[in-house]
Amino acid sequence: MNYASFTAFYENGNCGWASKKVASVEYLGELNNGDWFKFTIKGGCGINDFSETIHRVIKVIKKDNTYFIDYIIDPTYKRE
């Protein structure tokens, strides 16, 4: 996860994040033919702005010798 290039799927707010970094990664285990991870990303709209924190749970699968993100969950999402 430290080498992933994060896109809008991971960002929040009304701007494209100029700064972002993985703050933590926790392995949750294997389920449904994939490995599940919970990770925390810090970032923000400006250079060296790490004022925003988001959490995501992802499922990673391996095909041949390549890893893919197969599923993304926002554990903080609340349905209105």
N, C-alpha and C. Protein backbone atom coordinates (compact mmCIF):
# COMPACT_ATOMS: atom_id res chain seq x y z
N MET A 1 0.81 -1.20 0.00
CA MET A 1 0.00 0.00 0.00
C MET A 1 0.86 1.26 0.00
N ASN A 2 2.05 1.15 0.51
CA ASN A 2 2.92 2.34 0.55
C ASN A 2 3.30 2.82 -0.84
N TYR A 3 3.20 1.95 -1.85
CA TYR A 3 3.61 2.32 -3.20
C TYR A 3 2.44 2.60 -4.13
N ALA A 4 1.21 2.50 -3.61
CA ALA A 4 0.04 2.72 -4.45
C ALA A 4 -0.09 4.20 -4.80
N SER A 5 -0.55 4.46 -5.99
CA SER A 5 -0.84 5.83 -6.41
C SER A 5 -2.32 6.08 -6.18
N PHE A 6 -2.64 6.82 -5.15
CA PHE A 6 -4.03 7.00 -4.75
C PHE A 6 -4.75 7.98 -5.67
N THR A 7 -6.01 7.67 -5.91
CA THR A 7 -6.83 8.49 -6.78
C THR A 7 -8.04 8.98 -6.03
N ALA A 8 -9.01 9.54 -6.73
CA ALA A 8 -10.20 10.12 -6.11
C ALA A 8 -11.00 9.13 -5.28
N PHE A 9 -10.85 7.83 -5.52
CA PHE A 9 -11.57 6.84 -4.71
C PHE A 9 -11.21 6.95 -3.23
N TYR A 10 -10.03 7.48 -2.95
CA TYR A 10 -9.55 7.55 -1.58
C TYR A 10 -9.65 8.94 -0.98
N GLU A 11 -9.89 9.94 -1.79
CA GLU A 11 -9.87 11.32 -1.32
C GLU A 11 -11.27 11.78 -0.95
N ASN A 12 -11.33 12.81 -0.12
CA ASN A 12 -12.62 13.42 0.19
C ASN A 12 -12.46 14.94 0.15
N GLY A 13 -13.57 15.65 0.17
CA GLY A 13 -13.51 17.11 0.08
C GLY A 13 -13.75 17.57 -1.34
N ASN A 14 -13.54 18.86 -1.57
CA ASN A 14 -13.84 19.47 -2.87
C ASN A 14 -12.58 19.82 -3.65
N CYS A 15 -11.50 19.15 -3.38
CA CYS A 15 -10.26 19.47 -4.10
C CYS A 15 -9.52 18.17 -4.42
N GLY A 16 -8.62 18.24 -5.36
CA GLY A 16 -7.72 17.12 -5.59
C GLY A 16 -6.60 17.21 -4.56
N TRP A 17 -6.35 16.15 -3.87
CA TRP A 17 -5.34 16.20 -2.82
C TRP A 17 -3.95 16.40 -3.41
N ALA A 18 -3.28 17.45 -2.96
CA ALA A 18 -1.91 17.71 -3.40
C ALA A 18 -0.92 16.89 -2.57
N SER A 19 -1.29 16.55 -1.34
CA SER A 19 -0.44 15.76 -0.46
C SER A 19 -1.23 14.57 0.04
N LYS A 20 -0.58 13.42 0.12
CA LYS A 20 -1.22 12.23 0.68
C LYS A 20 -0.15 11.23 1.08
N LYS A 21 -0.42 10.50 2.16
CA LYS A 21 0.50 9.47 2.61
C LYS A 21 -0.29 8.42 3.38
N VAL A 22 0.21 7.19 3.35
CA VAL A 22 -0.39 6.11 4.12
C VAL A 22 0.13 6.24 5.55
N ALA A 23 -0.79 6.38 6.49
CA ALA A 23 -0.40 6.55 7.89
C ALA A 23 -0.30 5.20 8.60
N SER A 24 -1.17 4.25 8.24
CA SER A 24 -1.09 2.92 8.85
C SER A 24 -1.79 1.89 7.97
N VAL A 25 -1.34 0.65 8.10
CA VAL A 25 -1.93 -0.48 7.38
C VAL A 25 -2.09 -1.63 8.37
N GLU A 26 -3.30 -2.21 8.40
CA GLU A 26 -3.57 -3.34 9.29
C GLU A 26 -4.12 -4.49 8.45
N TYR A 27 -3.47 -5.63 8.53
CA TYR A 27 -3.94 -6.81 7.81
C TYR A 27 -5.10 -7.42 8.59
N LEU A 28 -6.25 -7.61 7.92
CA LEU A 28 -7.45 -8.15 8.57
C LEU A 28 -7.63 -9.64 8.36
N GLY A 29 -7.01 -10.20 7.34
CA GLY A 29 -7.12 -11.63 7.09
C GLY A 29 -7.58 -11.94 5.68
N GLU A 30 -7.74 -13.23 5.41
CA GLU A 30 -8.16 -13.70 4.09
C GLU A 30 -9.64 -14.07 4.13
N LEU A 31 -10.38 -13.64 3.11
CA LEU A 31 -11.80 -13.96 2.99
C LEU A 31 -12.20 -13.82 1.53
N ASN A 32 -12.99 -14.74 1.03
CA ASN A 32 -13.50 -14.69 -0.35
C ASN A 32 -12.38 -14.55 -1.38
N ASN A 33 -11.36 -15.38 -1.24
CA ASN A 33 -10.25 -15.42 -2.21
C ASN A 33 -9.47 -14.12 -2.32
N GLY A 34 -9.34 -13.40 -1.23
CA GLY A 34 -8.55 -12.18 -1.23
C GLY A 34 -8.07 -11.85 0.16
N ASP A 35 -7.09 -10.98 0.23
CA ASP A 35 -6.57 -10.49 1.50
C ASP A 35 -7.16 -9.11 1.78
N TRP A 36 -7.62 -8.91 3.01
CA TRP A 36 -8.29 -7.67 3.41
C TRP A 36 -7.38 -6.84 4.30
N PHE A 37 -7.37 -5.53 4.03
CA PHE A 37 -6.55 -4.60 4.78
C PHE A 37 -7.38 -3.38 5.18
N LYS A 38 -7.11 -2.85 6.35
CA LYS A 38 -7.67 -1.56 6.76
C LYS A 38 -6.51 -0.58 6.79
N PHE A 39 -6.67 0.54 6.11
CA PHE A 39 -5.59 1.50 6.13
C PHE A 39 -6.10 2.91 6.33
N THR A 40 -5.20 3.75 6.81
CA THR A 40 -5.48 5.15 7.10
C THR A 40 -4.62 6.00 6.19
N ILE A 41 -5.25 6.98 5.55
CA ILE A 41 -4.55 7.90 4.67
C ILE A 41 -4.70 9.31 5.23
N LYS A 42 -3.61 10.04 5.27
CA LYS A 42 -3.64 11.44 5.67
C LYS A 42 -3.29 12.26 4.44
N GLY A 43 -3.96 13.40 4.29
CA GLY A 43 -3.69 14.26 3.15
C GLY A 43 -4.50 15.53 3.21
N GLY A 44 -4.38 16.31 2.14
CA GLY A 44 -5.12 17.56 2.07
C GLY A 44 -4.90 18.26 0.75
N CYS A 45 -5.50 19.43 0.63
CA CYS A 45 -5.52 20.18 -0.63
C CYS A 45 -4.20 20.86 -0.97
N GLY A 46 -3.41 21.19 0.04
CA GLY A 46 -2.17 21.92 -0.20
C GLY A 46 -0.94 21.04 -0.08
N ILE A 47 0.18 21.61 -0.50
CA ILE A 47 1.47 20.93 -0.36
C ILE A 47 1.78 20.79 1.13
N ASN A 48 2.19 19.61 1.54
CA ASN A 48 2.47 19.29 2.95
C ASN A 48 1.27 19.52 3.86
N ASP A 49 0.07 19.38 3.33
CA ASP A 49 -1.16 19.50 4.11
C ASP A 49 -1.66 18.08 4.40
N PHE A 50 -1.59 17.68 5.66
CA PHE A 50 -2.04 16.37 6.08
C PHE A 50 -3.14 16.50 7.13
N SER A 51 -4.03 17.47 6.93
CA SER A 51 -5.06 17.79 7.91
C SER A 51 -6.28 16.88 7.82
N GLU A 52 -6.45 16.16 6.73
CA GLU A 52 -7.58 15.27 6.56
C GLU A 52 -7.14 13.82 6.81
N THR A 53 -8.01 13.03 7.42
CA THR A 53 -7.73 11.62 7.67
C THR A 53 -8.91 10.80 7.17
N ILE A 54 -8.62 9.79 6.37
CA ILE A 54 -9.67 8.88 5.92
C ILE A 54 -9.25 7.44 6.18
N HIS A 55 -10.23 6.58 6.31
CA HIS A 55 -10.00 5.15 6.54
C HIS A 55 -10.67 4.38 5.42
N ARG A 56 -10.02 3.34 4.94
CA ARG A 56 -10.59 2.48 3.92
C ARG A 56 -10.27 1.03 4.25
N VAL A 57 -11.17 0.14 3.87
CA VAL A 57 -10.94 -1.29 3.94
C VAL A 57 -10.94 -1.78 2.50
N ILE A 58 -9.91 -2.52 2.12
CA ILE A 58 -9.80 -2.97 0.74
C ILE A 58 -9.55 -4.47 0.69
N LYS A 59 -9.97 -5.05 -0.43
CA LYS A 59 -9.68 -6.45 -0.72
C LYS A 59 -8.65 -6.48 -1.85
N VAL A 60 -7.56 -7.19 -1.63
CA VAL A 60 -6.49 -7.30 -2.63
C VAL A 60 -6.46 -8.74 -3.13
N ILE A 61 -6.43 -8.89 -4.45
CA ILE A 61 -6.32 -10.22 -5.06
C ILE A 61 -5.05 -10.27 -5.89
N LYS A 62 -4.56 -11.49 -6.10
CA LYS A 62 -3.37 -11.68 -6.92
C LYS A 62 -3.75 -12.48 -8.16
N LYS A 63 -3.40 -11.94 -9.32
CA LYS A 63 -3.57 -12.64 -10.59
C LYS A 63 -2.21 -12.69 -11.26
N ASP A 64 -1.77 -13.89 -11.55
CA ASP A 64 -0.41 -14.12 -12.06
C ASP A 64 0.57 -13.55 -11.02
N ASN A 65 1.39 -12.60 -11.38
CA ASN A 65 2.32 -11.99 -10.43
C ASN A 65 1.99 -10.54 -10.15
N THR A 66 0.72 -10.17 -10.31
CA THR A 66 0.28 -8.80 -10.12
C THR A 66 -0.83 -8.74 -9.08
N TYR A 67 -0.80 -7.72 -8.25
CA TYR A 67 -1.83 -7.51 -7.23
C TYR A 67 -2.81 -6.45 -7.69
N PHE A 68 -4.11 -6.68 -7.40
CA PHE A 68 -5.17 -5.76 -7.79
C PHE A 68 -6.06 -5.46 -6.58
N ILE A 69 -6.56 -4.24 -6.52
CA ILE A 69 -7.58 -3.91 -5.52
C ILE A 69 -8.91 -4.35 -6.11
N ASP A 70 -9.58 -5.26 -5.43
CA ASP A 70 -10.82 -5.85 -5.95
C ASP A 70 -12.06 -5.23 -5.32
N TYR A 71 -11.91 -4.63 -4.14
CA TYR A 71 -13.08 -4.09 -3.45
C TYR A 71 -12.63 -3.01 -2.49
N ILE A 72 -13.41 -1.94 -2.37
CA ILE A 72 -13.10 -0.83 -1.47
C ILE A 72 -14.32 -0.53 -0.61
N ILE A 73 -14.10 -0.41 0.69
CA ILE A 73 -15.18 -0.07 1.62
C ILE A 73 -14.78 1.16 2.43
N ASP A 74 -15.71 2.08 2.58
CA ASP A 74 -15.52 3.21 3.49
C ASP A 74 -16.21 2.84 4.80
N PRO A 75 -15.45 2.47 5.83
CA PRO A 75 -16.09 2.02 7.08
C PRO A 75 -16.79 3.13 7.84
N THR A 76 -16.59 4.38 7.43
CA THR A 76 -17.22 5.51 8.13
C THR A 76 -18.51 5.97 7.45
N TYR A 77 -18.85 5.36 6.30
CA TYR A 77 -20.04 5.78 5.55
C TYR A 77 -21.30 5.51 6.35
N LYS A 78 -22.16 6.50 6.42
CA LYS A 78 -23.46 6.34 7.09
C LYS A 78 -24.55 6.71 6.10
N ARG A 79 -25.44 5.80 5.89
CA ARG A 79 -26.56 6.02 4.96
C ARG A 79 -27.57 6.98 5.56
N GLU A 80 -27.99 7.94 4.79
CA GLU A 80 -28.94 8.94 5.29
C GLU A 80 -30.37 8.53 5.06
